[in-house]
Amino acid sequence: MKAELYTWSYCPFCQRAKALLQERGIEYVEHVMDTKPEELDEVKRKYQHDTVPIVLLDGKFIGGFTELSAAL
């Protein structure tokens, strides 16, 4: 399983998502969006999800931290 995260560096739920993935030994790619607001807006529209983290597992959008916790 591989994960992809769209995050803000100061987001507590983003930090929790990364910690959970690390605890479970799941590799992930992080896209820190602090300086990319336009790109983040595009990602939010694409997945119809207004908050970060935006989490994909094996290329499939699952939601945010709550959905990640439930999926693992």
C-alpha atoms as a PDB file:
ATOM      1  CA  MET A   1       0.000   0.000   0.000  1.00  0.00           C
ATOM      2  CA  LYS A   2       1.215   3.499  -0.835  1.00  0.00           C
ATOM      3  CA  ALA A   3      -0.232   6.811   0.261  1.00  0.00           C
ATOM      4  CA  GLU A   4      -0.190  10.306  -1.151  1.00  0.00           C
ATOM      5  CA  LEU A   5      -0.922  13.301   1.077  1.00  0.00           C
ATOM      6  CA  TYR A   6      -1.670  16.931   0.302  1.00  0.00           C
ATOM      7  CA  THR A   7      -0.827  18.876   3.449  1.00  0.00           C
ATOM      8  CA  TRP A   8      -0.022  22.173   5.137  1.00  0.00           C
ATOM      9  CA  SER A   9       3.089  22.134   7.311  1.00  0.00           C
ATOM     10  CA  TYR A  10       1.220  23.613  10.302  1.00  0.00           C
ATOM     11  CA  CYS A  11      -1.852  21.357  10.114  1.00  0.00           C
ATOM     12  CA  PRO A  12      -2.251  19.093  13.190  1.00  0.00           C
ATOM     13  CA  PHE A  13      -4.385  16.545  11.321  1.00  0.00           C
ATOM     14  CA  CYS A  14      -1.735  16.380   8.597  1.00  0.00           C
ATOM     15  CA  GLN A  15       0.890  15.618  11.242  1.00  0.00           C
ATOM     16  CA  ARG A  16      -1.348  12.925  12.734  1.00  0.00           C
ATOM     17  CA  ALA A  17      -1.926  11.371   9.296  1.00  0.00           C
ATOM     18  CA  LYS A  18       1.815  11.182   8.636  1.00  0.00           C
ATOM     19  CA  ALA A  19       2.457   9.713  12.091  1.00  0.00           C
ATOM     20  CA  LEU A  20      -0.227   7.065  11.551  1.00  0.00           C
ATOM     21  CA  LEU A  21       1.250   6.051   8.208  1.00  0.00           C
ATOM     22  CA  GLN A  22       4.738   5.875   9.725  1.00  0.00           C
ATOM     23  CA  GLU A  23       3.464   3.752  12.638  1.00  0.00           C
ATOM     24  CA  ARG A  24       1.900   1.321  10.166  1.00  0.00           C
ATOM     25  CA  GLY A  25       5.023   1.233   7.987  1.00  0.00           C
ATOM     26  CA  ILE A  26       3.194   2.640   4.961  1.00  0.00           C
ATOM     27  CA  GLU A  27       5.241   4.604   2.449  1.00  0.00           C
ATOM     28  CA  TYR A  28       3.849   7.972   1.470  1.00  0.00           C
ATOM     29  CA  VAL A  29       4.553  10.947  -0.734  1.00  0.00           C
ATOM     30  CA  GLU A  30       3.765  14.315   0.798  1.00  0.00           C
ATOM     31  CA  HIS A  31       2.863  17.407  -1.185  1.00  0.00           C
ATOM     32  CA  VAL A  32       3.282  20.392   1.155  1.00  0.00           C
ATOM     33  CA  MET A  33       0.977  23.077  -0.205  1.00  0.00           C
ATOM     34  CA  ASP A  34       1.990  26.051   1.991  1.00  0.00           C
ATOM     35  CA  THR A  35       3.271  28.071  -0.964  1.00  0.00           C
ATOM     36  CA  LYS A  36       0.979  26.587  -3.612  1.00  0.00           C
ATOM     37  CA  PRO A  37      -2.553  27.881  -2.877  1.00  0.00           C
ATOM     38  CA  GLU A  38      -3.688  27.704  -6.513  1.00  0.00           C
ATOM     39  CA  GLU A  39      -2.524  24.107  -6.834  1.00  0.00           C
ATOM     40  CA  LEU A  40      -4.235  23.203  -3.552  1.00  0.00           C
ATOM     41  CA  ASP A  41      -7.471  24.788  -4.792  1.00  0.00           C
ATOM     42  CA  GLU A  42      -7.279  22.577  -7.899  1.00  0.00           C
ATOM     43  CA  VAL A  43      -6.751  19.450  -5.787  1.00  0.00           C
ATOM     44  CA  LYS A  44      -9.656  20.407  -3.505  1.00  0.00           C
ATOM     45  CA  ARG A  45     -11.940  20.850  -6.522  1.00  0.00           C
ATOM     46  CA  LYS A  46     -10.767  17.606  -8.124  1.00  0.00           C
ATOM     47  CA  TYR A  47     -11.550  15.524  -5.034  1.00  0.00           C
ATOM     48  CA  GLN A  48     -14.418  17.720  -3.733  1.00  0.00           C
ATOM     49  CA  HIS A  49     -12.726  17.898  -0.331  1.00  0.00           C
ATOM     50  CA  ASP A  50     -12.254  21.289   1.349  1.00  0.00           C
ATOM     51  CA  THR A  51      -9.788  20.471   4.123  1.00  0.00           C
ATOM     52  CA  VAL A  52      -6.301  19.028   4.471  1.00  0.00           C
ATOM     53  CA  PRO A  53      -4.959  16.471   4.599  1.00  0.00           C
ATOM     54  CA  ILE A  54      -6.251  15.136   1.329  1.00  0.00           C
ATOM     55  CA  VAL A  55      -5.370  11.448   1.345  1.00  0.00           C
ATOM     56  CA  LEU A  56      -5.055   8.970  -1.492  1.00  0.00           C
ATOM     57  CA  LEU A  57      -4.345   5.278  -0.917  1.00  0.00           C
ATOM     58  CA  ASP A  58      -3.006   3.345  -3.883  1.00  0.00           C
ATOM     59  CA  GLY A  59      -4.049   6.245  -6.106  1.00  0.00           C
ATOM     60  CA  LYS A  60      -7.647   6.330  -4.853  1.00  0.00           C
ATOM     61  CA  PHE A  61      -9.025   9.314  -2.922  1.00  0.00           C
ATOM     62  CA  ILE A  62     -10.290   8.266   0.509  1.00  0.00           C
ATOM     63  CA  GLY A  63     -10.791  11.590   2.331  1.00  0.00           C
ATOM     64  CA  GLY A  64      -8.956  13.154   5.256  1.00  0.00           C
ATOM     65  CA  PHE A  65      -7.467  11.978   8.536  1.00  0.00           C
ATOM     66  CA  THR A  66     -10.695  10.446   9.867  1.00  0.00           C
ATOM     67  CA  GLU A  67     -11.186   8.349   6.736  1.00  0.00           C
ATOM     68  CA  LEU A  68      -7.512   7.346   6.742  1.00  0.00           C
ATOM     69  CA  SER A  69      -7.804   6.152  10.348  1.00  0.00           C
ATOM     70  CA  ALA A  70     -10.896   4.120   9.502  1.00  0.00           C
ATOM     71  CA  ALA A  71      -9.274   2.619   6.392  1.00  0.00           C
ATOM     72  CA  LEU A  72      -6.241   1.396   8.309  1.00  0.00           C
END
